[in-house]
Amino acid sequence: MQNWLNLETYTTLELSLFGVGAFFWLMCYVFVIRSLFKYKFVGISAGVVGANIAWEFLWGFIFKQDMGFLIQIGYWGWFVLDCIIVWGIYKYGSKQVNDKIKPHFKFLFTYSIIGWLAVLYFFTDGFIYETTHIGANSAYAIQLLISVSCLIMFLNNPDEKGISYLAAWGRMLGSLFCGIMCTIHWKDNLWIPTMVVVYMVIDIYYIVLATKAIKKNGFYW
């Protein structure tokens, strides 16, 4: 029988915190996909989706996390939902860029996936060893990129209905709960709590601006 949860290495609290974070990220993807089909706009920056799908492929199928099979199912769930977002980027992602970039958009996006696969593979298995065994070190580097690029996308498209307010809450809270878990478990790893603080400032600023936009344009979830 599969080891569903690794209660020898991780405490019930740690696994629960990570599970809550994983759930919020799944909900983020669901809201992004809902907006994708309803408004024909991808509410997460194309500039970071390549990194996201590369990370999820590597940690879903190449590098195995050690928290248990139940968490692995969550990693696979992230990947499957992100594949739909990648499809959306190919179909509608050029709406995020200006006319000069549009002719090159699909090539640049494809190259970003390939490039991130190489970078993250050797970050994890080569030049820098992934000490957390769950992909958190590289994930929080990408998280900062997500926060910055999504803020820029929102500032460039403040009235876009396809940018989900609830998806923004999902990704912020998802990374926060997972970050708390990592900080508790790997007490000597100061990289992750530092990244959590840095990205949280950006995401809180994003939420404040998005809340003001709701008062102006109405609520689009």
N, C-alpha and C. Protein backbone atom coordinates (compact mmCIF):
# COMPACT_ATOMS: atom_id res chain seq x y z
N MET A 1 0.85 -1.20 0.00
CA MET A 1 0.00 0.00 0.00
C MET A 1 0.88 1.25 0.00
N GLN A 2 0.43 2.27 -0.72
CA GLN A 2 1.18 3.51 -0.77
C GLN A 2 1.21 4.17 0.61
N ASN A 3 2.32 4.87 0.89
CA ASN A 3 2.42 5.69 2.09
C ASN A 3 1.69 7.00 1.79
N TRP A 4 0.42 7.08 2.22
CA TRP A 4 -0.41 8.21 1.83
C TRP A 4 0.11 9.52 2.39
N LEU A 5 0.55 9.52 3.65
CA LEU A 5 1.12 10.72 4.27
C LEU A 5 2.34 10.31 5.09
N ASN A 6 3.42 11.06 4.94
CA ASN A 6 4.67 10.75 5.63
C ASN A 6 4.65 11.41 7.01
N LEU A 7 4.11 10.67 7.99
CA LEU A 7 4.01 11.20 9.36
C LEU A 7 5.27 10.90 10.17
N GLU A 8 6.25 10.26 9.55
CA GLU A 8 7.53 10.06 10.24
C GLU A 8 8.43 11.29 10.08
N THR A 9 8.39 11.91 8.91
CA THR A 9 9.25 13.07 8.65
C THR A 9 8.54 14.38 8.97
N TYR A 10 7.24 14.41 8.75
CA TYR A 10 6.46 15.64 8.92
C TYR A 10 5.39 15.45 9.99
N THR A 11 5.09 16.52 10.73
CA THR A 11 4.04 16.46 11.74
C THR A 11 2.67 16.64 11.08
N THR A 12 1.63 16.31 11.85
CA THR A 12 0.27 16.49 11.35
C THR A 12 0.01 17.96 11.04
N LEU A 13 0.51 18.87 11.88
CA LEU A 13 0.35 20.31 11.65
C LEU A 13 1.00 20.71 10.33
N GLU A 14 2.23 20.25 10.10
CA GLU A 14 2.95 20.63 8.88
C GLU A 14 2.23 20.13 7.63
N LEU A 15 1.78 18.88 7.65
CA LEU A 15 1.07 18.34 6.51
C LEU A 15 -0.27 19.05 6.30
N SER A 16 -0.91 19.42 7.40
CA SER A 16 -2.19 20.14 7.30
C SER A 16 -1.99 21.52 6.69
N LEU A 17 -0.95 22.23 7.13
CA LEU A 17 -0.66 23.55 6.57
C LEU A 17 -0.38 23.45 5.08
N PHE A 18 0.41 22.46 4.69
CA PHE A 18 0.72 22.30 3.27
C PHE A 18 -0.54 21.93 2.49
N GLY A 19 -1.37 21.07 3.08
CA GLY A 19 -2.61 20.68 2.41
C GLY A 19 -3.54 21.86 2.18
N VAL A 20 -3.64 22.74 3.17
CA VAL A 20 -4.47 23.94 3.01
C VAL A 20 -3.90 24.83 1.91
N GLY A 21 -2.56 24.99 1.91
CA GLY A 21 -1.93 25.78 0.86
C GLY A 21 -2.15 25.20 -0.52
N ALA A 22 -2.03 23.88 -0.62
CA ALA A 22 -2.25 23.22 -1.91
C ALA A 22 -3.69 23.41 -2.38
N PHE A 23 -4.64 23.34 -1.44
CA PHE A 23 -6.05 23.55 -1.79
C PHE A 23 -6.27 24.95 -2.34
N PHE A 24 -5.69 25.97 -1.67
CA PHE A 24 -5.86 27.35 -2.15
C PHE A 24 -5.28 27.52 -3.55
N TRP A 25 -4.14 26.86 -3.84
CA TRP A 25 -3.56 26.95 -5.17
C TRP A 25 -4.45 26.26 -6.20
N LEU A 26 -5.04 25.12 -5.84
CA LEU A 26 -5.98 24.47 -6.75
C LEU A 26 -7.16 25.39 -7.05
N MET A 27 -7.67 26.06 -6.02
CA MET A 27 -8.77 26.99 -6.22
C MET A 27 -8.35 28.17 -7.09
N CYS A 28 -7.12 28.64 -6.92
CA CYS A 28 -6.60 29.70 -7.78
C CYS A 28 -6.68 29.28 -9.24
N TYR A 29 -6.21 28.08 -9.53
CA TYR A 29 -6.23 27.59 -10.91
C TYR A 29 -7.67 27.48 -11.43
N VAL A 30 -8.58 27.00 -10.58
CA VAL A 30 -9.98 26.85 -10.99
C VAL A 30 -10.57 28.21 -11.38
N PHE A 31 -10.29 29.24 -10.58
CA PHE A 31 -10.82 30.57 -10.87
C PHE A 31 -10.18 31.17 -12.12
N VAL A 32 -8.89 30.92 -12.32
CA VAL A 32 -8.22 31.39 -13.53
C VAL A 32 -8.84 30.72 -14.76
N ILE A 33 -9.07 29.40 -14.67
CA ILE A 33 -9.64 28.66 -15.80
C ILE A 33 -11.07 29.10 -16.06
N ARG A 34 -11.84 29.34 -15.00
CA ARG A 34 -13.20 29.83 -15.18
C ARG A 34 -13.20 31.15 -15.95
N SER A 35 -12.35 32.08 -15.55
CA SER A 35 -12.27 33.37 -16.24
C SER A 35 -11.76 33.21 -17.67
N LEU A 36 -10.85 32.25 -17.86
CA LEU A 36 -10.32 31.98 -19.20
C LEU A 36 -11.46 31.65 -20.17
N PHE A 37 -12.35 30.75 -19.76
CA PHE A 37 -13.44 30.35 -20.65
C PHE A 37 -14.54 31.40 -20.73
N LYS A 38 -14.76 32.13 -19.65
CA LYS A 38 -15.86 33.11 -19.65
C LYS A 38 -15.48 34.40 -20.36
N TYR A 39 -14.25 34.88 -20.14
CA TYR A 39 -13.86 36.19 -20.65
C TYR A 39 -12.81 36.13 -21.76
N LYS A 40 -12.33 34.91 -22.11
CA LYS A 40 -11.32 34.74 -23.15
C LYS A 40 -10.04 35.53 -22.83
N PHE A 41 -9.68 35.51 -21.57
CA PHE A 41 -8.46 36.20 -21.10
C PHE A 41 -7.84 35.35 -20.00
N VAL A 42 -6.51 35.20 -20.05
CA VAL A 42 -5.82 34.40 -19.04
C VAL A 42 -5.39 35.32 -17.90
N GLY A 43 -5.96 35.10 -16.71
CA GLY A 43 -5.73 35.99 -15.59
C GLY A 43 -4.48 35.71 -14.79
N ILE A 44 -3.47 35.16 -15.42
CA ILE A 44 -2.15 35.02 -14.80
C ILE A 44 -1.13 35.33 -15.88
N SER A 45 -0.08 36.03 -15.52
CA SER A 45 0.85 36.55 -16.53
C SER A 45 1.51 35.44 -17.34
N ALA A 46 1.48 35.60 -18.67
CA ALA A 46 2.14 34.64 -19.55
C ALA A 46 3.63 34.56 -19.27
N GLY A 47 4.19 35.64 -18.73
CA GLY A 47 5.62 35.68 -18.47
C GLY A 47 6.10 34.69 -17.43
N VAL A 48 5.16 34.14 -16.65
CA VAL A 48 5.57 33.20 -15.60
C VAL A 48 4.91 31.83 -15.73
N VAL A 49 3.94 31.69 -16.62
CA VAL A 49 3.27 30.40 -16.78
C VAL A 49 4.25 29.32 -17.25
N GLY A 50 5.22 29.71 -18.08
CA GLY A 50 6.23 28.75 -18.54
C GLY A 50 7.02 28.16 -17.38
N ALA A 51 7.40 29.02 -16.43
CA ALA A 51 8.11 28.54 -15.24
C ALA A 51 7.23 27.65 -14.40
N ASN A 52 5.97 28.02 -14.28
CA ASN A 52 5.03 27.28 -13.45
C ASN A 52 4.81 25.86 -13.97
N ILE A 53 4.55 25.73 -15.27
CA ILE A 53 4.28 24.41 -15.83
C ILE A 53 5.54 23.55 -15.83
N ALA A 54 6.71 24.17 -16.01
CA ALA A 54 7.97 23.43 -15.96
C ALA A 54 8.20 22.87 -14.56
N TRP A 55 7.97 23.69 -13.54
CA TRP A 55 8.15 23.24 -12.15
C TRP A 55 7.20 22.08 -11.84
N GLU A 56 5.94 22.23 -12.25
CA GLU A 56 4.96 21.20 -11.93
C GLU A 56 5.24 19.89 -12.67
N PHE A 57 5.73 19.97 -13.89
CA PHE A 57 6.10 18.75 -14.60
C PHE A 57 7.26 18.05 -13.90
N LEU A 58 8.29 18.81 -13.55
CA LEU A 58 9.47 18.21 -12.93
C LEU A 58 9.13 17.59 -11.57
N TRP A 59 8.37 18.31 -10.74
CA TRP A 59 8.06 17.79 -9.41
C TRP A 59 6.87 16.83 -9.41
N GLY A 60 6.14 16.78 -10.51
CA GLY A 60 5.08 15.79 -10.61
C GLY A 60 5.56 14.45 -11.13
N PHE A 61 6.63 14.49 -11.99
CA PHE A 61 7.00 13.27 -12.70
C PHE A 61 8.49 12.92 -12.66
N ILE A 62 9.35 13.86 -12.35
CA ILE A 62 10.79 13.60 -12.36
C ILE A 62 11.34 13.53 -10.93
N PHE A 63 11.16 14.59 -10.16
CA PHE A 63 11.62 14.64 -8.77
C PHE A 63 10.45 14.35 -7.86
N LYS A 64 10.55 13.34 -7.02
CA LYS A 64 9.45 12.94 -6.16
C LYS A 64 9.56 13.59 -4.78
N GLN A 65 8.54 14.31 -4.40
CA GLN A 65 8.49 14.88 -3.05
C GLN A 65 8.30 13.74 -2.04
N ASP A 66 8.57 14.03 -0.76
CA ASP A 66 8.59 12.96 0.24
C ASP A 66 7.50 13.11 1.30
N MET A 67 6.43 13.84 1.00
CA MET A 67 5.36 14.03 1.98
C MET A 67 4.28 12.95 1.90
N GLY A 68 4.32 12.13 0.87
CA GLY A 68 3.35 11.05 0.76
C GLY A 68 2.57 11.10 -0.55
N PHE A 69 1.89 9.98 -0.84
CA PHE A 69 1.20 9.84 -2.13
C PHE A 69 0.03 10.80 -2.26
N LEU A 70 -0.65 11.11 -1.15
CA LEU A 70 -1.78 12.04 -1.21
C LEU A 70 -1.33 13.42 -1.69
N ILE A 71 -0.18 13.87 -1.21
CA ILE A 71 0.35 15.16 -1.65
C ILE A 71 0.79 15.07 -3.11
N GLN A 72 1.32 13.90 -3.50
CA GLN A 72 1.72 13.72 -4.90
C GLN A 72 0.53 13.89 -5.84
N ILE A 73 -0.63 13.39 -5.42
CA ILE A 73 -1.84 13.58 -6.22
C ILE A 73 -2.13 15.06 -6.39
N GLY A 74 -1.90 15.84 -5.33
CA GLY A 74 -2.07 17.28 -5.42
C GLY A 74 -1.13 17.91 -6.43
N TYR A 75 0.13 17.44 -6.47
CA TYR A 75 1.09 17.94 -7.46
C TYR A 75 0.60 17.64 -8.87
N TRP A 76 0.08 16.43 -9.07
CA TRP A 76 -0.46 16.06 -10.39
C TRP A 76 -1.67 16.93 -10.74
N GLY A 77 -2.48 17.23 -9.73
CA GLY A 77 -3.65 18.10 -9.96
C GLY A 77 -3.23 19.48 -10.41
N TRP A 78 -2.20 20.05 -9.75
CA TRP A 78 -1.67 21.34 -10.20
C TRP A 78 -1.28 21.28 -11.67
N PHE A 79 -0.55 20.20 -12.03
CA PHE A 79 -0.04 20.09 -13.40
C PHE A 79 -1.18 20.01 -14.41
N VAL A 80 -2.18 19.18 -14.13
CA VAL A 80 -3.29 19.02 -15.07
C VAL A 80 -4.02 20.35 -15.28
N LEU A 81 -4.33 21.05 -14.19
CA LEU A 81 -5.01 22.33 -14.31
C LEU A 81 -4.14 23.36 -15.03
N ASP A 82 -2.83 23.31 -14.76
CA ASP A 82 -1.94 24.27 -15.42
C ASP A 82 -1.82 23.99 -16.91
N CYS A 83 -2.00 22.73 -17.33
CA CYS A 83 -2.00 22.41 -18.76
C CYS A 83 -3.14 23.15 -19.47
N ILE A 84 -4.28 23.27 -18.80
CA ILE A 84 -5.41 24.02 -19.37
C ILE A 84 -5.04 25.49 -19.49
N ILE A 85 -4.34 26.01 -18.48
CA ILE A 85 -3.92 27.41 -18.52
C ILE A 85 -2.91 27.63 -19.64
N VAL A 86 -2.00 26.67 -19.83
CA VAL A 86 -1.04 26.76 -20.93
C VAL A 86 -1.76 26.80 -22.27
N TRP A 87 -2.77 25.94 -22.43
CA TRP A 87 -3.59 25.99 -23.65
C TRP A 87 -4.20 27.38 -23.83
N GLY A 88 -4.70 27.94 -22.72
CA GLY A 88 -5.29 29.27 -22.78
C GLY A 88 -4.29 30.34 -23.17
N ILE A 89 -3.05 30.18 -22.71
CA ILE A 89 -2.01 31.14 -23.08
C ILE A 89 -1.76 31.10 -24.59
N TYR A 90 -1.70 29.89 -25.15
CA TYR A 90 -1.49 29.79 -26.60
C TYR A 90 -2.66 30.40 -27.38
N LYS A 91 -3.86 30.28 -26.84
CA LYS A 91 -5.04 30.75 -27.56
C LYS A 91 -5.29 32.24 -27.34
N TYR A 92 -5.16 32.71 -26.08
CA TYR A 92 -5.55 34.08 -25.75
C TYR A 92 -4.43 34.91 -25.13
N GLY A 93 -3.28 34.29 -24.87
CA GLY A 93 -2.24 34.98 -24.11
C GLY A 93 -1.69 36.22 -24.79
N SER A 94 -1.76 36.30 -26.10
CA SER A 94 -1.22 37.46 -26.81
C SER A 94 -1.98 38.74 -26.47
N LYS A 95 -3.17 38.60 -25.86
CA LYS A 95 -3.90 39.79 -25.42
C LYS A 95 -3.16 40.55 -24.33
N GLN A 96 -2.22 39.87 -23.67
CA GLN A 96 -1.49 40.49 -22.58
C GLN A 96 -0.34 41.38 -23.06
N VAL A 97 0.03 41.30 -24.33
CA VAL A 97 1.21 42.01 -24.82
C VAL A 97 0.83 43.02 -25.89
N ASN A 98 1.77 43.90 -26.21
CA ASN A 98 1.49 44.93 -27.22
C ASN A 98 1.63 44.36 -28.63
N ASP A 99 1.24 45.15 -29.61
CA ASP A 99 1.19 44.69 -31.00
C ASP A 99 2.56 44.30 -31.55
N LYS A 100 3.63 44.91 -31.06
CA LYS A 100 4.96 44.59 -31.55
C LYS A 100 5.41 43.19 -31.13
N ILE A 101 4.93 42.76 -29.98
CA ILE A 101 5.33 41.45 -29.45
C ILE A 101 4.42 40.33 -29.96
N LYS A 102 3.18 40.64 -30.30
CA LYS A 102 2.20 39.62 -30.69
C LYS A 102 2.72 38.63 -31.73
N PRO A 103 3.40 39.06 -32.82
CA PRO A 103 3.85 38.08 -33.82
C PRO A 103 4.86 37.07 -33.29
N HIS A 104 5.55 37.42 -32.21
CA HIS A 104 6.59 36.55 -31.65
C HIS A 104 6.12 35.82 -30.40
N PHE A 105 4.86 36.04 -30.00
CA PHE A 105 4.41 35.61 -28.69
C PHE A 105 4.49 34.10 -28.49
N LYS A 106 3.96 33.32 -29.42
CA LYS A 106 3.92 31.86 -29.24
C LYS A 106 5.33 31.27 -29.20
N PHE A 107 6.22 31.80 -30.03
CA PHE A 107 7.60 31.31 -30.00
C PHE A 107 8.24 31.61 -28.64
N LEU A 108 8.08 32.84 -28.17
CA LEU A 108 8.69 33.23 -26.90
C LEU A 108 8.11 32.42 -25.74
N PHE A 109 6.81 32.18 -25.77
CA PHE A 109 6.20 31.40 -24.69
C PHE A 109 6.69 29.96 -24.71
N THR A 110 6.75 29.36 -25.90
CA THR A 110 7.26 27.99 -26.02
C THR A 110 8.70 27.90 -25.52
N TYR A 111 9.50 28.87 -25.91
CA TYR A 111 10.91 28.86 -25.48
C TYR A 111 11.01 29.03 -23.96
N SER A 112 10.09 29.80 -23.38
CA SER A 112 10.14 29.98 -21.92
C SER A 112 9.91 28.66 -21.19
N ILE A 113 9.01 27.82 -21.72
CA ILE A 113 8.77 26.51 -21.10
C ILE A 113 10.02 25.65 -21.18
N ILE A 114 10.62 25.59 -22.37
CA ILE A 114 11.83 24.78 -22.57
C ILE A 114 12.98 25.30 -21.71
N GLY A 115 13.15 26.61 -21.70
CA GLY A 115 14.23 27.20 -20.92
C GLY A 115 14.07 26.96 -19.44
N TRP A 116 12.84 27.11 -18.93
CA TRP A 116 12.61 26.88 -17.50
C TRP A 116 12.77 25.42 -17.13
N LEU A 117 12.40 24.52 -18.02
CA LEU A 117 12.63 23.09 -17.75
C LEU A 117 14.11 22.83 -17.50
N ALA A 118 14.97 23.40 -18.35
CA ALA A 118 16.41 23.20 -18.19
C ALA A 118 16.93 23.85 -16.92
N VAL A 119 16.52 25.09 -16.69
CA VAL A 119 17.01 25.83 -15.51
C VAL A 119 16.59 25.14 -14.22
N LEU A 120 15.31 24.77 -14.12
CA LEU A 120 14.82 24.18 -12.89
C LEU A 120 15.34 22.76 -12.68
N TYR A 121 15.56 22.04 -13.77
CA TYR A 121 16.13 20.69 -13.62
C TYR A 121 17.52 20.76 -12.99
N PHE A 122 18.36 21.63 -13.50
CA PHE A 122 19.73 21.69 -12.98
C PHE A 122 19.81 22.45 -11.67
N PHE A 123 18.84 23.34 -11.40
CA PHE A 123 18.74 23.95 -10.08
C PHE A 123 18.49 22.88 -9.03
N THR A 124 17.63 21.93 -9.38
CA THR A 124 17.22 20.89 -8.43
C THR A 124 18.22 19.75 -8.33
N ASP A 125 18.72 19.30 -9.47
CA ASP A 125 19.50 18.06 -9.49
C ASP A 125 20.98 18.28 -9.81
N GLY A 126 21.34 19.51 -10.11
CA GLY A 126 22.71 19.73 -10.54
C GLY A 126 23.46 20.77 -9.73
N PHE A 127 23.42 22.01 -10.19
CA PHE A 127 24.25 23.05 -9.59
C PHE A 127 23.88 23.34 -8.14
N ILE A 128 22.58 23.41 -7.86
CA ILE A 128 22.10 23.69 -6.51
C ILE A 128 21.12 22.58 -6.11
N TYR A 129 21.42 21.88 -5.03
CA TYR A 129 20.55 20.78 -4.61
C TYR A 129 19.30 21.33 -3.92
N GLU A 130 18.15 20.76 -4.26
CA GLU A 130 16.88 21.17 -3.65
C GLU A 130 16.77 20.56 -2.26
N THR A 131 17.17 21.30 -1.26
CA THR A 131 17.30 20.77 0.10
C THR A 131 15.96 20.48 0.77
N THR A 132 14.87 21.04 0.28
CA THR A 132 13.60 20.84 0.97
C THR A 132 12.92 19.53 0.60
N HIS A 133 13.31 18.89 -0.49
CA HIS A 133 12.73 17.62 -0.94
C HIS A 133 11.26 17.74 -1.35
N ILE A 134 10.75 18.96 -1.46
CA ILE A 134 9.38 19.15 -1.96
C ILE A 134 9.33 20.23 -3.05
N GLY A 135 10.50 20.75 -3.43
CA GLY A 135 10.55 21.75 -4.48
C GLY A 135 10.33 23.17 -4.01
N ALA A 136 10.35 23.40 -2.70
CA ALA A 136 9.97 24.71 -2.18
C ALA A 136 10.98 25.81 -2.51
N ASN A 137 12.27 25.50 -2.51
CA ASN A 137 13.26 26.55 -2.79
C ASN A 137 13.03 27.17 -4.17
N SER A 138 12.89 26.33 -5.18
CA SER A 138 12.65 26.83 -6.53
C SER A 138 11.24 27.39 -6.66
N ALA A 139 10.27 26.80 -5.95
CA ALA A 139 8.89 27.29 -6.04
C ALA A 139 8.77 28.72 -5.57
N TYR A 140 9.50 29.09 -4.51
CA TYR A 140 9.37 30.45 -3.99
C TYR A 140 10.14 31.47 -4.81
N ALA A 141 11.12 31.02 -5.58
CA ALA A 141 11.73 31.91 -6.56
C ALA A 141 10.70 32.24 -7.64
N ILE A 142 9.97 31.22 -8.09
CA ILE A 142 8.93 31.42 -9.09
C ILE A 142 7.78 32.23 -8.52
N GLN A 143 7.45 32.01 -7.24
CA GLN A 143 6.35 32.74 -6.61
C GLN A 143 6.58 34.24 -6.67
N LEU A 144 7.81 34.66 -6.43
CA LEU A 144 8.09 36.09 -6.50
C LEU A 144 7.86 36.62 -7.91
N LEU A 145 8.27 35.83 -8.92
CA LEU A 145 8.02 36.22 -10.31
C LEU A 145 6.52 36.30 -10.59
N ILE A 146 5.77 35.35 -10.05
CA ILE A 146 4.32 35.38 -10.24
C ILE A 146 3.72 36.65 -9.66
N SER A 147 4.10 36.98 -8.44
CA SER A 147 3.55 38.16 -7.78
C SER A 147 3.86 39.44 -8.55
N VAL A 148 5.11 39.58 -8.96
CA VAL A 148 5.53 40.80 -9.68
C VAL A 148 4.85 40.88 -11.04
N SER A 149 4.88 39.79 -11.80
CA SER A 149 4.33 39.82 -13.15
C SER A 149 2.81 39.98 -13.14
N CYS A 150 2.13 39.37 -12.16
CA CYS A 150 0.68 39.53 -12.09
C CYS A 150 0.30 40.95 -11.68
N LEU A 151 1.08 41.56 -10.82
CA LEU A 151 0.84 42.96 -10.46
C LEU A 151 0.99 43.86 -11.69
N ILE A 152 2.04 43.65 -12.46
CA ILE A 152 2.26 44.45 -13.66
C ILE A 152 1.11 44.23 -14.66
N MET A 153 0.68 42.97 -14.83
CA MET A 153 -0.43 42.68 -15.73
C MET A 153 -1.69 43.40 -15.28
N PHE A 154 -1.96 43.40 -13.98
CA PHE A 154 -3.14 44.08 -13.46
C PHE A 154 -3.06 45.58 -13.68
N LEU A 155 -1.88 46.16 -13.43
CA LEU A 155 -1.72 47.60 -13.62
C LEU A 155 -1.91 47.99 -15.09
N ASN A 156 -1.51 47.09 -15.99
CA ASN A 156 -1.68 47.36 -17.42
C ASN A 156 -3.11 47.12 -17.90
N ASN A 157 -3.87 46.33 -17.12
CA ASN A 157 -5.25 45.98 -17.52
C ASN A 157 -6.19 46.11 -16.32
N PRO A 158 -6.30 47.30 -15.73
CA PRO A 158 -7.06 47.44 -14.48
C PRO A 158 -8.55 47.16 -14.61
N ASP A 159 -9.09 47.23 -15.82
CA ASP A 159 -10.52 47.03 -16.02
C ASP A 159 -10.85 45.67 -16.64
N GLU A 160 -9.85 44.78 -16.74
CA GLU A 160 -10.04 43.48 -17.38
C GLU A 160 -10.84 42.54 -16.48
N LYS A 161 -12.01 42.09 -16.97
CA LYS A 161 -12.86 41.20 -16.20
C LYS A 161 -12.25 39.81 -16.02
N GLY A 162 -11.34 39.43 -16.94
CA GLY A 162 -10.76 38.09 -16.88
C GLY A 162 -9.70 37.90 -15.81
N ILE A 163 -9.34 38.96 -15.11
CA ILE A 163 -8.37 38.84 -14.01
C ILE A 163 -9.16 38.60 -12.72
N SER A 164 -9.17 37.37 -12.25
CA SER A 164 -10.03 36.97 -11.14
C SER A 164 -9.51 37.48 -9.80
N TYR A 165 -10.39 38.14 -9.07
CA TYR A 165 -10.07 38.63 -7.73
C TYR A 165 -9.84 37.46 -6.77
N LEU A 166 -10.69 36.44 -6.86
CA LEU A 166 -10.56 35.29 -5.96
C LEU A 166 -9.32 34.45 -6.28
N ALA A 167 -8.91 34.42 -7.55
CA ALA A 167 -7.68 33.72 -7.90
C ALA A 167 -6.47 34.38 -7.24
N ALA A 168 -6.49 35.71 -7.17
CA ALA A 168 -5.39 36.42 -6.51
C ALA A 168 -5.32 36.06 -5.04
N TRP A 169 -6.47 35.98 -4.38
CA TRP A 169 -6.50 35.55 -2.98
C TRP A 169 -6.00 34.12 -2.84
N GLY A 170 -6.38 33.26 -3.78
CA GLY A 170 -5.99 31.86 -3.72
C GLY A 170 -4.49 31.67 -3.80
N ARG A 171 -3.83 32.35 -4.76
CA ARG A 171 -2.38 32.17 -4.89
C ARG A 171 -1.63 32.80 -3.73
N MET A 172 -2.14 33.93 -3.20
CA MET A 172 -1.48 34.55 -2.06
C MET A 172 -1.57 33.66 -0.82
N LEU A 173 -2.77 33.18 -0.50
CA LEU A 173 -2.95 32.35 0.69
C LEU A 173 -2.32 30.97 0.51
N GLY A 174 -2.36 30.44 -0.72
CA GLY A 174 -1.75 29.14 -0.96
C GLY A 174 -0.26 29.15 -0.65
N SER A 175 0.43 30.15 -1.17
CA SER A 175 1.87 30.24 -0.91
C SER A 175 2.17 30.61 0.53
N LEU A 176 1.26 31.36 1.17
CA LEU A 176 1.47 31.72 2.58
C LEU A 176 1.41 30.49 3.47
N PHE A 177 0.38 29.66 3.33
CA PHE A 177 0.26 28.47 4.17
C PHE A 177 1.40 27.49 3.92
N CYS A 178 1.77 27.30 2.66
CA CYS A 178 2.90 26.40 2.36
C CYS A 178 4.20 26.99 2.92
N GLY A 179 4.33 28.31 2.85
CA GLY A 179 5.53 28.96 3.38
C GLY A 179 5.65 28.83 4.89
N ILE A 180 4.51 28.92 5.59
CA ILE A 180 4.52 28.73 7.05
C ILE A 180 4.96 27.31 7.38
N MET A 181 4.43 26.35 6.62
CA MET A 181 4.81 24.96 6.84
C MET A 181 6.32 24.77 6.65
N CYS A 182 6.87 25.33 5.56
CA CYS A 182 8.30 25.18 5.29
C CYS A 182 9.16 25.85 6.36
N THR A 183 8.69 27.00 6.84
CA THR A 183 9.43 27.72 7.87
C THR A 183 9.48 26.94 9.18
N ILE A 184 8.38 26.27 9.50
CA ILE A 184 8.34 25.45 10.71
C ILE A 184 9.24 24.23 10.57
N HIS A 185 9.19 23.57 9.40
CA HIS A 185 9.91 22.31 9.24
C HIS A 185 11.40 22.51 9.01
N TRP A 186 11.77 23.47 8.17
CA TRP A 186 13.18 23.73 7.87
C TRP A 186 13.59 25.04 8.52
N LYS A 187 13.82 24.99 9.81
CA LYS A 187 14.05 26.21 10.60
C LYS A 187 15.32 26.95 10.19
N ASP A 188 16.29 26.24 9.63
CA ASP A 188 17.55 26.87 9.24
C ASP A 188 17.51 27.45 7.83
N ASN A 189 16.44 27.22 7.11
CA ASN A 189 16.30 27.72 5.75
C ASN A 189 15.66 29.11 5.79
N LEU A 190 16.49 30.14 5.72
CA LEU A 190 15.97 31.51 5.80
C LEU A 190 15.50 32.04 4.45
N TRP A 191 15.81 31.31 3.39
CA TRP A 191 15.40 31.72 2.04
C TRP A 191 13.87 31.80 1.93
N ILE A 192 13.18 30.76 2.39
CA ILE A 192 11.74 30.69 2.20
C ILE A 192 11.00 31.76 3.00
N PRO A 193 11.23 31.93 4.31
CA PRO A 193 10.50 33.01 5.01
C PRO A 193 10.81 34.39 4.45
N THR A 194 12.06 34.59 3.97
CA THR A 194 12.39 35.87 3.35
C THR A 194 11.56 36.09 2.09
N MET A 195 11.46 35.05 1.27
CA MET A 195 10.68 35.16 0.04
C MET A 195 9.19 35.35 0.34
N VAL A 196 8.70 34.70 1.40
CA VAL A 196 7.30 34.86 1.78
C VAL A 196 7.00 36.31 2.14
N VAL A 197 7.87 36.92 2.93
CA VAL A 197 7.67 38.32 3.32
C VAL A 197 7.71 39.23 2.10
N VAL A 198 8.69 39.00 1.22
CA VAL A 198 8.84 39.86 0.04
C VAL A 198 7.62 39.75 -0.88
N TYR A 199 7.19 38.52 -1.17
CA TYR A 199 6.06 38.39 -2.10
C TYR A 199 4.75 38.83 -1.45
N MET A 200 4.60 38.64 -0.13
CA MET A 200 3.36 39.04 0.54
C MET A 200 3.14 40.55 0.46
N VAL A 201 4.20 41.32 0.57
CA VAL A 201 4.06 42.79 0.44
C VAL A 201 3.50 43.13 -0.94
N ILE A 202 4.02 42.48 -1.97
CA ILE A 202 3.56 42.73 -3.34
C ILE A 202 2.11 42.29 -3.50
N ASP A 203 1.78 41.10 -2.98
CA ASP A 203 0.42 40.58 -3.14
C ASP A 203 -0.60 41.38 -2.35
N ILE A 204 -0.24 41.83 -1.17
CA ILE A 204 -1.16 42.67 -0.40
C ILE A 204 -1.43 43.98 -1.14
N TYR A 205 -0.38 44.55 -1.72
CA TYR A 205 -0.55 45.76 -2.53
C TYR A 205 -1.49 45.49 -3.70
N TYR A 206 -1.30 44.33 -4.34
CA TYR A 206 -2.17 43.92 -5.44
C TYR A 206 -3.63 43.83 -4.97
N ILE A 207 -3.86 43.17 -3.84
CA ILE A 207 -5.22 42.99 -3.33
C ILE A 207 -5.87 44.34 -3.01
N VAL A 208 -5.08 45.26 -2.44
CA VAL A 208 -5.61 46.60 -2.14
C VAL A 208 -6.07 47.29 -3.43
N LEU A 209 -5.23 47.24 -4.47
CA LEU A 209 -5.58 47.87 -5.74
C LEU A 209 -6.79 47.18 -6.38
N ALA A 210 -6.80 45.84 -6.30
CA ALA A 210 -7.91 45.10 -6.89
C ALA A 210 -9.22 45.37 -6.16
N THR A 211 -9.16 45.54 -4.84
CA THR A 211 -10.35 45.87 -4.07
C THR A 211 -10.89 47.24 -4.46
N LYS A 212 -10.00 48.20 -4.68
CA LYS A 212 -10.43 49.52 -5.14
C LYS A 212 -11.07 49.42 -6.52
N ALA A 213 -10.53 48.55 -7.37
CA ALA A 213 -11.09 48.37 -8.71
C ALA A 213 -12.50 47.79 -8.64
N ILE A 214 -12.73 46.92 -7.65
CA ILE A 214 -14.06 46.34 -7.48
C ILE A 214 -15.09 47.43 -7.18
N LYS A 215 -14.70 48.38 -6.36
CA LYS A 215 -15.60 49.47 -6.01
C LYS A 215 -15.96 50.31 -7.25
N LYS A 216 -15.04 50.33 -8.21
CA LYS A 216 -15.27 51.11 -9.44
C LYS A 216 -16.00 50.31 -10.50
N ASN A 217 -15.58 49.07 -10.71
CA ASN A 217 -16.05 48.27 -11.85
C ASN A 217 -17.03 47.17 -11.49
N GLY A 218 -17.18 46.89 -10.21
CA GLY A 218 -18.00 45.76 -9.80
C GLY A 218 -17.15 44.53 -9.54
N PHE A 219 -17.77 43.48 -8.99
CA PHE A 219 -17.03 42.29 -8.57
C PHE A 219 -17.04 41.25 -9.67
N TYR A 220 -15.84 40.88 -10.14
CA TYR A 220 -15.69 39.82 -11.11
C TYR A 220 -14.83 38.72 -10.47
N TRP A 221 -15.46 37.59 -10.15
CA TRP A 221 -14.73 36.56 -9.42
C TRP A 221 -14.19 35.50 -10.36
